[in-house]
Protein backbone atom coordinates (compact mmCIF):
# COMPACT_ATOMS: atom_id res chain seq x y z
CA GLU A 1 -4.92 -4.33 -23.08
CA GLN A 2 -1.33 -3.89 -24.29
CA LEU A 3 -2.63 -2.06 -27.35
CA GLY A 4 -4.34 0.46 -25.09
CA GLN A 5 -7.82 -0.89 -25.76
CA ALA A 6 -8.92 -1.03 -22.14
CA ASP A 7 -12.64 -1.21 -22.90
CA ARG A 8 -12.22 -4.21 -25.20
CA ALA A 9 -9.89 -5.89 -22.73
CA GLN A 10 -12.45 -5.41 -19.96
CA ALA A 11 -15.14 -6.96 -22.13
CA VAL A 12 -12.98 -10.03 -22.77
CA TYR A 13 -12.14 -10.37 -19.07
CA GLN A 14 -15.86 -10.14 -18.28
CA GLU A 15 -16.55 -12.91 -20.81
CA ILE A 16 -14.03 -15.10 -18.98
CA LEU A 17 -15.78 -14.35 -15.68
CA ASP A 18 -19.17 -15.22 -17.18
CA LEU A 19 -18.00 -18.74 -18.12
CA LYS A 20 -19.22 -20.71 -15.11
CA ASP A 21 -17.28 -23.90 -15.89
CA GLN A 22 -13.92 -22.10 -15.73
CA LYS A 23 -14.14 -20.88 -12.15
CA LYS A 24 -11.32 -23.19 -11.12
CA ASP A 25 -9.18 -22.03 -14.01
CA GLN A 26 -6.21 -19.69 -13.56
CA ASP A 27 -7.68 -17.46 -16.28
CA TYR A 28 -10.61 -16.77 -13.97
CA GLU A 29 -8.27 -15.51 -11.25
CA ILE A 30 -6.36 -13.34 -13.73
CA ALA A 31 -9.62 -11.89 -15.07
CA LEU A 32 -10.79 -11.01 -11.54
CA THR A 33 -7.46 -9.35 -10.79
CA LYS A 34 -7.50 -7.39 -14.04
CA MET A 35 -11.09 -6.22 -13.57
CA ALA A 36 -10.27 -5.10 -10.04
CA GLN A 37 -7.22 -3.24 -11.31
CA PHE A 38 -9.23 -1.52 -14.05
CA HIS A 39 -11.60 -0.21 -11.38
CA LEU A 40 -8.74 0.88 -9.12
CA ASP A 41 -7.14 2.76 -12.00
CA ALA A 42 -10.50 4.41 -12.78
CA LYS A 43 -10.78 5.52 -9.12
CA HIS A 44 -13.73 3.22 -8.43
CA PRO A 45 -12.62 1.60 -5.17
CA VAL A 46 -15.99 0.09 -4.25
CA GLU A 47 -16.20 -1.76 -7.59
CA ALA A 48 -12.58 -2.87 -7.29
CA LYS A 49 -13.31 -4.15 -3.80
CA THR A 50 -16.09 -6.37 -5.19
CA TYR A 51 -13.70 -8.06 -7.62
CA PHE A 52 -10.97 -8.50 -5.02
CA GLN A 53 -13.52 -10.09 -2.67
CA ARG A 54 -14.58 -12.48 -5.44
CA LEU A 55 -10.92 -13.31 -5.98
CA LEU A 56 -10.53 -14.11 -2.28
CA ARG A 57 -13.54 -16.45 -2.41
CA HIS A 58 -11.86 -18.15 -5.37
CA ASN A 59 -8.39 -18.18 -3.76
CA PRO A 60 -8.20 -17.36 -0.03
CA GLN A 61 -4.40 -17.22 -0.33
CA ALA A 62 -4.45 -14.34 -2.86
CA ILE A 63 -2.11 -12.10 -0.90
CA GLU A 64 -2.25 -9.16 -3.33
CA ALA A 65 -6.05 -9.17 -3.14
CA LEU A 66 -5.80 -8.98 0.65
CA ASN A 67 -3.28 -6.15 0.43
CA ASN A 68 -5.42 -4.26 -2.08
CA LEU A 69 -8.56 -4.77 0.00
CA GLY A 70 -6.71 -3.41 3.02
CA SER A 71 -5.60 -0.38 1.03
CA ILE A 72 -9.12 0.23 -0.27
CA GLU A 73 -10.64 -0.07 3.19
CA ARG A 74 -8.01 2.30 4.59
CA SER A 75 -8.77 4.85 1.85
CA LEU A 76 -12.46 4.59 2.75
CA GLY A 77 -11.70 5.19 6.44
CA ALA A 78 -12.50 1.63 7.55
CA HIS A 79 -9.26 1.23 9.49
CA LEU A 80 -10.16 -1.85 11.54
CA SER A 81 -11.30 -3.72 8.44
CA ALA A 82 -8.13 -2.62 6.63
CA GLN A 83 -6.02 -3.82 9.53
CA ARG A 84 -7.69 -7.26 9.42
CA TYR A 85 -6.94 -7.62 5.70
CA PHE A 86 -3.28 -6.62 6.18
CA GLU A 87 -2.90 -9.00 9.12
CA GLN A 88 -4.49 -11.82 7.13
CA ALA A 89 -2.03 -11.17 4.30
CA LEU A 90 0.87 -11.24 6.76
CA GLN A 91 -0.29 -14.64 8.00
CA ILE A 92 0.43 -15.87 4.49
CA ASN A 93 3.76 -14.03 4.17
CA SER A 94 5.02 -12.33 7.32
CA ASN A 95 8.05 -10.91 5.51
CA ASN A 96 6.31 -8.83 2.86
CA ALA A 97 7.70 -5.32 3.30
CA SER A 98 4.91 -3.66 1.31
CA ILE A 99 2.18 -5.19 3.44
CA LEU A 100 4.11 -4.43 6.64
CA CYS A 101 4.31 -0.81 5.48
CA ASN A 102 0.59 -0.67 4.70
CA LEU A 103 -0.26 -2.16 8.09
CA ALA A 104 2.06 0.34 9.78
CA LEU A 105 0.31 3.26 8.05
CA CYS A 106 -3.06 1.85 9.06
CA LEU A 107 -1.91 1.48 12.67
CA HIS A 108 -0.58 5.03 12.61
CA ASP A 109 -3.96 6.25 11.32
CA GLN A 110 -5.46 4.69 14.45
CA GLY A 111 -2.95 6.37 16.75
CA ASN A 112 -0.87 3.26 17.41
CA THR A 113 2.50 4.92 16.75
CA ARG A 114 4.67 2.44 18.65
CA GLU A 115 3.45 -0.60 16.71
CA ALA A 116 3.50 1.35 13.43
CA ILE A 117 7.18 2.15 14.01
CA GLU A 118 7.92 -1.50 14.85
CA ARG A 119 6.24 -2.73 11.65
CA LEU A 120 8.00 -0.20 9.43
CA THR A 121 11.35 -0.86 11.09
CA HIS A 122 10.88 -4.57 10.36
CA ALA A 123 9.95 -3.77 6.74
CA ILE A 124 13.16 -1.73 6.40
CA THR A 125 15.26 -4.63 7.68
CA LEU A 126 13.71 -6.73 4.89
CA GLU A 127 14.15 -4.11 2.15
CA PRO A 128 16.57 -1.41 3.31
CA LYS A 129 16.88 0.19 -0.14
CA GLN A 130 13.17 1.02 -0.51
CA SER A 131 13.00 4.79 -0.17
CA ILE A 132 9.24 4.76 0.44
CA LEU A 133 9.72 2.72 3.61
CA HIS A 134 12.17 5.27 5.00
CA PHE A 135 9.88 8.10 3.89
CA ASN A 136 6.86 6.62 5.66
CA LEU A 137 8.85 5.92 8.83
CA ALA A 138 10.19 9.49 8.75
CA ASN A 139 6.63 10.82 8.47
CA ILE A 140 5.56 8.83 11.51
CA TYR A 141 8.58 9.99 13.51
CA SER A 142 7.89 13.57 12.44
CA ASP A 143 4.23 13.31 13.48
CA ASP A 144 5.43 11.96 16.83
CA ARG A 145 7.89 14.89 17.11
CA GLN A 146 10.88 12.53 17.09
CA PHE A 147 12.68 14.87 14.74
CA LYS A 148 16.20 13.44 14.94
CA LEU A 149 14.96 10.02 13.79
CA ALA A 150 12.67 11.63 11.22
CA ASN A 151 15.60 13.58 9.77
CA GLN A 152 17.70 10.42 9.49
CA HIS A 153 15.03 8.57 7.55
CA TYR A 154 14.20 11.51 5.27
CA ILE A 155 17.90 11.79 4.44
CA THR A 156 18.08 8.04 3.74
CA ALA A 157 14.98 8.21 1.53
CA LEU A 158 16.55 11.06 -0.43
CA GLU A 159 19.92 9.31 -0.73
CA LEU A 160 18.11 6.30 -2.18
CA ASN A 161 15.94 8.45 -4.46
CA PRO A 162 17.20 12.04 -4.94
CA GLU A 163 14.17 12.86 -7.14
CA TYR A 164 11.64 11.98 -4.41
CA ALA A 165 9.67 15.25 -4.36
CA GLU A 166 7.40 14.32 -1.45
CA ALA A 167 10.43 13.41 0.67
CA HIS A 168 12.04 16.78 -0.09
CA SER A 169 8.81 18.57 0.83
CA ASN A 170 8.15 16.64 4.02
CA TYR A 171 11.78 16.88 5.12
CA GLY A 172 11.60 20.65 4.63
CA PHE A 173 8.41 20.82 6.68
CA CYS A 174 10.04 18.69 9.39
CA LEU A 175 13.06 21.01 9.49
CA ARG A 176 10.76 24.03 9.71
CA GLN A 177 8.98 22.44 12.69
CA GLN A 178 12.39 22.23 14.35
CA GLY A 179 13.01 25.95 13.81
CA LYS A 180 15.55 25.28 11.04
CA SER A 181 14.02 27.59 8.45
CA ASN A 182 17.19 28.15 6.39
CA GLU A 183 17.77 24.40 6.06
CA ALA A 184 14.08 23.89 5.28
CA ILE A 185 14.25 26.38 2.42
């Protein structure tokens, strides 16, 4: 895999998965994770989902598998299923900022703005220097027409990461919505 031979690496991981007597082995869990990741990278979410589900049957505490399953379900439009995966992951670790953010985005997709803001605000208290958290909160505030708060979080996201192109773009759009065309430009 490190040599860039993804096909050969996948074949070896599949060999590990085919060894029935090693299902309790850590190598089995790693192979499932790697196979799922190969499929995610190849933009095959349904196949990746299958491997993450197998990983969960092997290890119900596999928090990254839960988070990835939630993200896959969200991308497929299955928001309630995604929400369940994120909530299950948070039962294992309630202070995981990434999962809190993913749950917040899922809640926002479903129109639950208040709870989405609460979850993202909590994530920011855990990891205040993560620009993506501020960016996502700013987007939600902007969608909710709470422009002053949106502006604050876009500015924070850009202070933390001045090269954040999406934050520049969305902040400009937010300013334009406020009638601040010169600032937006």
